[in-house]
Amino acid sequence: MDNEKQTLLSPDAADYPAVLRQCEDNGTPPVVTARGNLGALDRTPIGFFCSVRCPGDIILKTYDLAQALREADAAIIGGFQSAMEKEFLDILLRGTASIVVCPARGFQRLRIPKSWKPALTQGRLLILSFFADTIRRPTVAIAARRNAYVAALADHIFIAHAEPGSKTEGLCKAALAQGKPVFALDSPDNAHLRELGAISVSADTPETLKQRGVIPI
């Protein structure tokens, strides 16, 4: 697929992500608009999430995590909408890992940031939208639907931080209920995620992440 070409993927298309056929939007799986290398979805996608509010201890550890993952032989997928998620994406773009960005809006008039374009040209960035062009701004409801699709596409989930009672914590619970591996940064502020069943992980080195199963060996 031409990395600069925009492609519409209906649920019956051969290259439509099969897992999304199990996700229904108004009774049918979402039509997906894609730009970039669809092969990124074959590289053990790691879903990344972080609540809007993030404790200082976890902010520092999330920077370490981004440094460890940016050279990984994997794909990191997310909406990259919260401030910490955006910072995380900026670091990933300076590495070699594959990235899948899923905006909570349609593709029409979506401005591709200049910092994304080298990764797009290199074939390591994929942009996916699950929404009609009439949806031009993210809302809480649209972001929640987007995050559910991201979680479905991910082989496992990494949560930097989820505030207690937040939608991100709810996503963690749903993924665990489905038997999907969920990892969280090792911090007292994530104790509630450990209690739910998330695996605590230190982000010091890529080797640590490989040993814990976050990055494939």
Protein backbone atom coordinates (compact mmCIF):
# COMPACT_ATOMS: atom_id res chain seq x y z
CA MET A 1 0.00 0.00 0.00
CA ASP A 2 1.25 3.49 -0.91
CA ASN A 3 2.13 5.14 2.42
CA GLU A 4 0.82 8.49 1.17
CA LYS A 5 -2.46 7.05 -0.08
CA GLN A 6 -5.70 7.16 1.88
CA THR A 7 -7.69 3.91 1.74
CA LEU A 8 -11.24 3.08 2.81
CA LEU A 9 -11.59 -0.38 4.35
CA SER A 10 -15.08 -1.84 4.62
CA PRO A 11 -15.67 -4.90 6.84
CA ASP A 12 -15.72 -7.19 3.78
CA ALA A 13 -12.35 -5.95 2.45
CA ALA A 14 -9.54 -8.50 2.36
CA ASP A 15 -7.16 -6.28 4.36
CA TYR A 16 -9.77 -5.17 6.92
CA PRO A 17 -8.49 -5.93 10.47
CA ALA A 18 -10.29 -9.17 11.28
CA VAL A 19 -10.63 -8.44 15.01
CA LEU A 20 -12.75 -5.36 14.27
CA ARG A 21 -15.42 -7.56 12.71
CA GLN A 22 -16.31 -8.48 16.30
CA CYS A 23 -16.80 -4.80 17.19
CA GLU A 24 -20.13 -3.30 16.27
CA ASP A 25 -20.94 0.36 15.68
CA ASN A 26 -24.70 0.86 15.31
CA GLY A 27 -25.05 -2.85 14.57
CA THR A 28 -22.16 -3.21 12.12
CA PRO A 29 -18.35 -3.16 12.38
CA PRO A 30 -16.81 0.27 11.73
CA VAL A 31 -15.66 1.31 8.29
CA VAL A 32 -11.97 2.18 8.63
CA THR A 33 -10.07 4.92 6.81
CA ALA A 34 -6.34 4.19 6.69
CA ARG A 35 -3.26 6.06 5.63
CA GLY A 36 0.16 4.47 5.95
CA ASN A 37 1.54 0.95 6.29
CA LEU A 38 -1.17 -1.55 7.28
CA GLY A 39 1.60 -4.04 8.00
CA ALA A 40 2.14 -2.24 11.31
CA LEU A 41 -0.86 -4.16 12.67
CA ASP A 42 1.07 -7.43 12.18
CA ARG A 43 3.88 -6.34 14.51
CA THR A 44 2.49 -7.37 17.93
CA PRO A 45 0.50 -4.16 18.61
CA ILE A 46 0.86 -2.74 22.12
CA GLY A 47 -2.08 -0.54 23.10
CA PHE A 48 -0.92 2.49 25.08
CA PHE A 49 -3.21 4.54 27.33
CA CYS A 50 -2.80 7.21 29.98
CA SER A 51 -5.39 9.27 31.86
CA VAL A 52 -5.47 13.04 31.43
CA ARG A 53 -4.26 13.58 34.98
CA CYS A 54 -0.95 11.87 35.63
CA PRO A 55 1.16 11.93 38.86
CA GLY A 56 4.69 13.34 38.60
CA ASP A 57 6.29 10.01 39.51
CA ILE A 58 4.52 8.30 36.61
CA ILE A 59 5.31 11.11 34.17
CA LEU A 60 9.04 10.47 34.65
CA LYS A 61 8.58 6.71 34.33
CA THR A 62 6.50 7.15 31.18
CA TYR A 63 9.36 9.03 29.54
CA ASP A 64 11.61 6.06 30.40
CA LEU A 65 9.02 3.70 28.91
CA ALA A 66 8.88 5.69 25.68
CA GLN A 67 12.67 5.60 25.39
CA ALA A 68 12.61 1.82 25.90
CA LEU A 69 9.83 1.21 23.37
CA ARG A 70 10.85 3.58 20.59
CA GLU A 71 13.38 1.09 19.17
CA ALA A 72 11.21 -1.99 19.81
CA ASP A 73 10.37 -4.53 17.13
CA ALA A 74 6.67 -3.97 17.74
CA ALA A 75 3.91 -1.48 17.01
CA ILE A 76 2.54 0.92 19.60
CA ILE A 77 -1.09 1.81 18.99
CA GLY A 78 -3.16 4.51 20.65
CA GLY A 79 -5.22 7.64 20.32
CA PHE A 80 -2.36 9.74 21.70
CA GLN A 81 -4.85 12.35 22.84
CA SER A 82 -4.03 13.15 26.48
CA ALA A 83 -1.01 15.37 27.18
CA MET A 84 1.12 12.43 28.37
CA GLU A 85 0.09 10.31 25.39
CA LYS A 86 1.15 13.13 23.04
CA GLU A 87 4.54 13.40 24.73
CA PHE A 88 4.89 9.63 24.44
CA LEU A 89 4.14 9.78 20.71
CA ASP A 90 6.70 12.55 20.16
CA ILE A 91 9.42 10.29 21.59
CA LEU A 92 8.28 7.26 19.58
CA LEU A 93 8.45 9.29 16.37
CA ARG A 94 12.16 9.83 16.98
CA GLY A 95 12.84 6.08 17.10
CA THR A 96 12.33 3.12 14.78
CA ALA A 97 9.29 1.33 16.25
CA SER A 98 6.08 1.11 14.23
CA ILE A 99 3.27 3.42 15.39
CA VAL A 100 -0.48 3.32 14.83
CA VAL A 101 -2.28 6.59 15.57
CA CYS A 102 -6.08 6.51 15.87
CA PRO A 103 -7.67 9.99 15.99
CA ALA A 104 -11.10 10.32 17.62
CA ARG A 105 -12.55 11.97 14.50
CA GLY A 106 -13.02 11.46 10.77
CA PHE A 107 -10.22 11.87 8.25
CA GLN A 108 -11.65 14.87 6.38
CA ARG A 109 -9.60 17.99 7.07
CA LEU A 110 -7.34 16.02 9.41
CA ARG A 111 -4.05 17.88 9.40
CA ILE A 112 -1.04 15.55 9.42
CA PRO A 113 1.58 17.15 11.73
CA LYS A 114 4.95 17.79 10.16
CA SER A 115 6.61 15.62 12.83
CA TRP A 116 4.59 12.59 11.64
CA LYS A 117 5.56 12.81 7.98
CA PRO A 118 9.04 11.19 8.13
CA ALA A 119 7.63 8.10 9.89
CA LEU A 120 4.77 7.99 7.36
CA THR A 121 7.21 8.13 4.43
CA GLN A 122 9.40 5.46 6.06
CA GLY A 123 6.44 3.10 6.29
CA ARG A 124 6.44 2.82 10.07
CA LEU A 125 3.41 4.99 10.76
CA LEU A 126 -0.22 4.02 10.19
CA ILE A 127 -3.11 6.41 10.79
CA LEU A 128 -6.53 4.82 11.31
CA SER A 129 -9.91 6.49 11.68
CA PHE A 130 -13.02 4.54 12.64
CA PHE A 131 -15.38 7.48 12.12
CA ALA A 132 -17.25 9.29 9.36
CA ASP A 133 -15.89 12.55 7.99
CA THR A 134 -18.82 14.37 9.60
CA ILE A 135 -17.16 13.81 12.98
CA ARG A 136 -14.59 16.60 13.12
CA ARG A 137 -13.90 16.96 16.84
CA PRO A 138 -13.25 14.40 19.57
CA THR A 139 -15.88 14.10 22.27
CA VAL A 140 -15.83 11.98 25.40
CA ALA A 141 -18.15 9.43 23.77
CA ILE A 142 -16.18 9.31 20.50
CA ALA A 143 -12.87 8.98 22.37
CA ALA A 144 -14.29 6.08 24.39
CA ARG A 145 -15.39 4.29 21.21
CA ARG A 146 -11.98 4.93 19.65
CA ASN A 147 -10.22 3.52 22.71
CA ALA A 148 -12.36 0.38 22.57
CA TYR A 149 -11.28 -0.18 18.95
CA VAL A 150 -7.64 0.44 19.87
CA ALA A 151 -7.89 -2.10 22.70
CA ALA A 152 -9.44 -4.62 20.30
CA LEU A 153 -6.57 -4.21 17.81
CA ALA A 154 -3.87 -4.50 20.50
CA ASP A 155 -2.36 -7.87 21.41
CA HIS A 156 -1.85 -6.50 24.90
CA ILE A 157 -2.43 -3.26 26.77
CA PHE A 158 0.01 -0.94 28.56
CA ILE A 159 -1.48 1.66 30.88
CA ALA A 160 0.90 4.32 32.14
CA HIS A 161 -1.77 5.52 34.59
CA ALA A 162 -5.53 5.29 34.98
CA GLU A 163 -7.28 7.45 37.53
CA PRO A 164 -9.54 5.45 39.84
CA GLY A 165 -13.06 5.43 38.42
CA SER A 166 -11.91 6.76 35.03
CA LYS A 167 -12.81 5.43 31.59
CA THR A 168 -9.21 4.28 31.26
CA GLU A 169 -9.62 2.15 34.37
CA GLY A 170 -12.84 0.80 32.85
CA LEU A 171 -10.93 -0.11 29.70
CA CYS A 172 -8.40 -1.95 31.87
CA LYS A 173 -11.19 -3.95 33.53
CA ALA A 174 -12.75 -4.82 30.17
CA ALA A 175 -9.45 -6.00 28.70
CA LEU A 176 -8.70 -8.15 31.74
CA ALA A 177 -12.20 -9.65 31.59
CA GLN A 178 -11.47 -10.66 27.99
CA GLY A 179 -8.23 -12.36 29.08
CA LYS A 180 -6.00 -9.82 27.37
CA PRO A 181 -2.65 -9.12 29.12
CA VAL A 182 -2.62 -5.70 30.75
CA PHE A 183 0.57 -4.04 32.00
CA ALA A 184 0.93 -0.94 34.17
CA LEU A 185 3.90 1.10 35.33
CA ASP A 186 5.18 0.07 38.73
CA SER A 187 4.10 2.90 41.04
CA PRO A 188 2.09 3.31 44.25
CA ASP A 189 -0.29 5.44 42.16
CA ASN A 190 -1.12 2.34 40.11
CA ALA A 191 -1.81 0.06 43.07
CA HIS A 192 -5.51 -0.10 42.12
CA LEU A 193 -4.54 -1.44 38.68
CA ARG A 194 -2.45 -4.19 40.26
CA GLU A 195 -5.42 -5.11 42.44
CA LEU A 196 -7.52 -5.49 39.30
CA GLY A 197 -4.95 -7.89 37.82
CA ALA A 198 -2.63 -5.68 35.78
CA ILE A 199 1.04 -6.71 35.72
CA SER A 200 3.41 -4.11 37.21
CA VAL A 201 6.41 -3.38 35.01
CA SER A 202 9.51 -1.25 35.43
CA ALA A 203 10.38 0.72 32.29
CA ASP A 204 14.13 0.93 32.89
CA THR A 205 15.37 -1.02 29.86
CA PRO A 206 14.08 -2.84 26.75
CA GLU A 207 15.44 -6.05 28.29
CA THR A 208 13.14 -5.61 31.29
CA LEU A 209 10.17 -5.19 29.00
CA LYS A 210 11.13 -8.29 27.03
CA GLN A 211 11.47 -10.33 30.21
CA ARG A 212 7.99 -9.29 31.34
CA GLY A 213 6.45 -10.05 27.95
CA VAL A 214 5.67 -6.48 26.88
CA ILE A 215 8.07 -6.59 23.92
CA PRO A 216 8.27 -9.89 21.96
CA ILE A 217 11.60 -11.67 22.20
